Each structure stands twice: as structure tokens, then as C-alpha cells.
């Protein structure tokens, strides 16, 4: 199955790295095909940015740009307004409720919207907001099963600075727990 993913927000949130990690985990840890590309706005830090990832376990990827995403992560209001409306019918949009409040751009759309305070969870679990990208990966992988949680954590740990392994684990599992809590509310 082929899945197209957009990770969007503002520069400095680590979304480009998150996209690279997701693609690398798919290839290295899962042994499936993946590509990653990125888009920066006018200013890198604080400006708009987006990481595009395509993961496919059954076909080669011949074009690395996301056309109609199955999954959109929005970690800023501007990113939500620009990228969330591109989600395919039946797709999923994950929003960081710390930065995204107005969901009207998706009114009347046939998609699942998951509202998660990603940045707040990162702060709660690790004392740092800068690990929100890792928390977002936990939420994405738990909900979509694109990459197994243990494989995603293993890939994350190949890239983090020595001595930060445990807080990165905590950030990741915070995202997983948020999805599990949402699933419990729906049951």
C-alpha cells in the first residue's frame, strides 16, 4: 500500500528531520520503499515549512512529490490552512491544538481530524517543546501503522545526540499514548 504524508508547520519545529526519520525508518527498519522531500517558506526558522514523505510497501516510487496526501500533520495554523485541505477523502489530518484552533478549512470534508496538543505533550513528558516533532512521529506511527513503534524509536535513536535517548523515547511514547487515549474515548 502507498501512503503520502505531509508534515507541516513552521521552521524550527524539526519537521524536516521528522520527515527524514520517517522515510529512513521505513527503508532501514521496515525494508520498504520511501522518499522524502521538503519545502521551505521565505524564512527558514519561523517561516512555513513542509516535509513530504511517500511510503510504499508494494511498489516502487517513481515520483517523489506528494500529490494527494493520505496523512497531513499540521503544527501551525498557516500550515493547516495551506496543506490540510489537500488531504484525500477518507484521509487523516493530525493537528497540534497548541497552534491550530480554526479548523474551518476542512468544513464539509470527508476526513478524520485528530486534535492533539502535541507541543504540550512534548513539554509535559520531556520538559522541552523542541521534541514535539518526535511526539508527532509517535502519534503518526501509532495511528497509521506506517512504521512499527519499536522500529521508529530505533531509527530516532540513531540520530539523537548522546545523552538524549531517554527524553526522545519519552517524547515519542507521549504521542503514542495520545492516540491510544483518543481511541479509548471513541470506544
Protein backbone atom coordinates (compact mmCIF):
# COMPACT_ATOMS: atom_id res chain seq x y z
CA UNK A 1 0.00 0.00 0.00
CA UNK A 2 1.21 3.52 -0.84
CA UNK A 3 0.80 6.38 1.66
CA UNK A 4 1.56 10.03 1.01
CA UNK A 5 2.32 12.14 4.09
CA UNK A 6 2.77 15.89 4.62
CA UNK A 7 4.38 17.10 7.85
CA UNK A 8 3.80 20.85 8.02
CA UNK A 9 4.35 23.72 10.39
CA UNK A 10 6.89 26.48 10.81
CA UNK A 11 10.66 26.34 10.54
CA UNK A 12 12.38 25.34 13.74
CA UNK A 13 9.86 22.68 14.74
CA UNK A 14 12.01 19.86 13.37
CA UNK A 15 9.54 18.72 10.75
CA UNK A 16 12.16 18.23 8.03
CA UNK A 17 14.10 15.96 10.38
CA UNK A 18 10.86 14.17 11.30
CA UNK A 19 10.20 13.51 7.61
CA UNK A 20 13.73 12.21 7.10
CA UNK A 21 13.39 9.94 10.13
CA UNK A 22 10.02 8.60 8.96
CA UNK A 23 11.40 7.80 5.49
CA UNK A 24 14.60 6.30 6.88
CA UNK A 25 12.70 4.14 9.36
CA UNK A 26 10.53 2.82 6.54
CA UNK A 27 13.56 1.91 4.43
CA UNK A 28 16.13 0.87 7.03
CA UNK A 29 13.95 -0.61 9.77
CA UNK A 30 10.95 -1.90 7.77
CA UNK A 31 12.63 -2.69 4.45
CA UNK A 32 10.02 -0.89 2.34
CA UNK A 33 10.24 1.93 -0.20
CA UNK A 34 10.16 5.56 0.87
CA UNK A 35 11.10 9.03 -0.37
CA UNK A 36 11.36 12.37 1.41
CA UNK A 37 11.36 15.92 0.10
CA UNK A 38 10.99 19.31 1.77
CA UNK A 39 9.67 22.80 1.12
CA UNK A 40 10.77 25.93 2.97
CA UNK A 41 9.00 29.27 3.01
CA UNK A 42 10.74 32.62 2.62
CA UNK A 43 12.44 32.40 6.02
CA UNK A 44 13.66 29.05 7.31
CA UNK A 45 13.24 29.47 11.08
CA UNK A 46 9.75 30.69 11.86
CA UNK A 47 8.62 30.60 8.22
CA UNK A 48 6.47 27.94 6.65
CA UNK A 49 7.99 24.52 6.08
CA UNK A 50 6.75 21.16 4.95
CA UNK A 51 8.26 17.71 4.65
CA UNK A 52 6.74 15.31 2.14
CA UNK A 53 7.13 11.57 2.66
CA UNK A 54 5.89 8.73 0.49
CA UNK A 55 5.95 5.21 1.89
CA UNK A 56 5.09 2.15 -0.19
CA UNK A 57 5.35 -1.49 0.76
CA UNK A 58 4.23 -2.86 -2.61
CA UNK A 59 5.51 -0.64 -5.43
CA UNK A 60 8.45 1.49 -6.46
CA UNK A 61 8.09 5.22 -6.01
CA UNK A 62 8.78 6.93 -9.32
CA UNK A 63 7.71 10.46 -8.39
CA UNK A 64 8.80 11.91 -5.04
CA UNK A 65 6.24 14.72 -4.71
CA UNK A 66 3.07 14.24 -2.70
CA UNK A 67 0.00 14.82 -4.87
CA UNK A 68 -2.96 13.95 -2.66
CA UNK A 69 -1.81 13.19 0.89
CA UNK A 70 -3.34 10.38 2.91
CA UNK A 71 -1.99 11.96 6.10
CA UNK A 72 -1.38 15.62 6.95
CA UNK A 73 0.29 16.80 10.15
CA UNK A 74 -0.32 20.49 10.86
CA UNK A 75 1.71 22.13 13.60
CA UNK A 76 0.79 25.74 12.78
CA UNK A 77 -2.39 27.50 11.71
CA UNK A 78 -0.85 28.69 8.43
CA UNK A 79 0.30 25.14 7.63
CA UNK A 80 -3.15 23.78 8.42
CA UNK A 81 -4.83 26.33 6.16
CA UNK A 82 -2.44 25.55 3.28
CA UNK A 83 -1.93 21.78 3.48
CA UNK A 84 -4.87 20.21 5.34
CA UNK A 85 -7.37 20.91 2.51
CA UNK A 86 -5.18 18.78 0.21
CA UNK A 87 -5.90 15.61 2.22
CA UNK A 88 -7.63 12.91 0.24
CA UNK A 89 -11.22 11.92 1.00
CA UNK A 90 -11.05 9.43 3.84
CA UNK A 91 -7.60 10.66 4.88
CA UNK A 92 -6.45 11.87 8.28
CA UNK A 93 -5.33 15.28 9.49
CA UNK A 94 -3.44 15.48 12.78
CA UNK A 95 -3.40 18.96 14.30
CA UNK A 96 -1.31 20.33 17.13
CA UNK A 97 -4.00 22.11 19.13
CA UNK A 98 -1.36 24.30 20.74
CA UNK A 99 -1.00 26.14 17.42
CA UNK A 100 -4.09 25.18 15.39
CA UNK A 101 -7.51 26.38 16.55
CA UNK A 102 -9.53 27.20 13.43
CA UNK A 103 -10.46 24.01 11.56
CA UNK A 104 -12.90 25.68 9.17
CA UNK A 105 -10.65 24.95 6.16
CA UNK A 106 -11.87 21.34 6.41
CA UNK A 107 -15.58 22.06 6.90
CA UNK A 108 -17.67 19.57 4.97
CA UNK A 109 -14.66 17.38 4.10
CA UNK A 110 -14.70 13.60 4.44
CA UNK A 111 -11.61 13.10 6.60
CA UNK A 112 -10.65 12.25 10.14
CA UNK A 113 -9.30 15.12 12.23
CA UNK A 114 -7.23 14.17 15.26
CA UNK A 115 -6.80 17.05 17.70
CA UNK A 116 -3.74 16.52 19.89
CA UNK A 117 -1.78 19.05 21.98
CA UNK A 118 1.50 17.72 20.53
CA UNK A 119 3.74 20.54 21.76
CA UNK A 120 2.17 20.47 25.24
CA UNK A 121 2.67 16.70 25.45
CA UNK A 122 6.32 17.13 24.50
CA UNK A 123 6.73 19.76 27.21
CA UNK A 124 4.94 17.60 29.79
CA UNK A 125 6.89 14.42 29.01
CA UNK A 126 10.35 15.91 28.50
CA UNK A 127 10.35 19.47 29.79
CA UNK A 128 11.11 20.61 26.23
CA UNK A 129 8.90 21.79 23.40
CA UNK A 130 11.66 21.17 20.88
CA UNK A 131 10.86 17.44 20.89
CA UNK A 132 7.33 17.99 19.57
CA UNK A 133 8.45 16.58 16.22
CA UNK A 134 9.27 13.28 17.93
CA UNK A 135 5.93 13.33 19.76
CA UNK A 136 4.23 13.91 16.39
CA UNK A 137 6.02 10.87 14.94
CA UNK A 138 4.67 8.78 17.82
CA UNK A 139 1.14 9.91 17.06
CA UNK A 140 1.52 9.32 13.32
CA UNK A 141 3.03 5.86 13.64
CA UNK A 142 0.57 4.70 16.30
CA UNK A 143 -2.44 5.86 14.28
CA UNK A 144 -1.33 4.86 10.79
CA UNK A 145 0.97 1.89 11.45
CA UNK A 146 3.22 3.15 8.61
CA UNK A 147 6.21 2.13 10.71
CA UNK A 148 6.13 -0.08 13.80
CA UNK A 149 6.67 1.90 17.01
CA UNK A 150 9.79 0.00 18.06
CA UNK A 151 11.31 0.46 14.60
CA UNK A 152 10.58 4.19 14.61
CA UNK A 153 12.15 4.59 18.05
CA UNK A 154 15.21 2.63 16.91
CA UNK A 155 15.64 4.97 13.94
CA UNK A 156 15.16 8.09 16.07
CA UNK A 157 17.85 6.87 18.45
CA UNK A 158 20.36 6.61 15.59
CA UNK A 159 20.13 10.39 15.11
CA UNK A 160 19.75 11.95 18.55
CA UNK A 161 22.62 13.48 20.49
CA UNK A 162 24.26 11.15 23.01
CA UNK A 163 22.61 11.51 26.38
CA UNK A 164 19.17 12.46 25.00
CA UNK A 165 17.96 8.96 24.19
CA UNK A 166 15.59 8.69 27.15
CA UNK A 167 13.85 12.05 26.64
CA UNK A 168 13.40 11.22 22.95
CA UNK A 169 11.79 7.91 23.94
CA UNK A 170 9.51 9.77 26.36
CA UNK A 171 8.56 12.30 23.68
CA UNK A 172 7.76 9.55 21.17
CA UNK A 173 5.69 7.43 23.56
CA UNK A 174 3.80 10.58 24.61
CA UNK A 175 2.46 10.77 21.04
CA UNK A 176 1.60 7.08 21.07
CA UNK A 177 -0.26 7.46 24.37
CA UNK A 178 -2.22 10.43 23.00
CA UNK A 179 -3.54 8.33 20.10
CA UNK A 180 -4.36 5.44 22.42
CA UNK A 181 -6.26 7.84 24.70
CA UNK A 182 -8.24 9.15 21.71
CA UNK A 183 -9.06 5.60 20.66
CA UNK A 184 -10.26 4.87 24.21
CA UNK A 185 -12.62 7.87 24.07
CA UNK A 186 -14.09 6.68 20.77
CA UNK A 187 -14.69 3.12 22.02
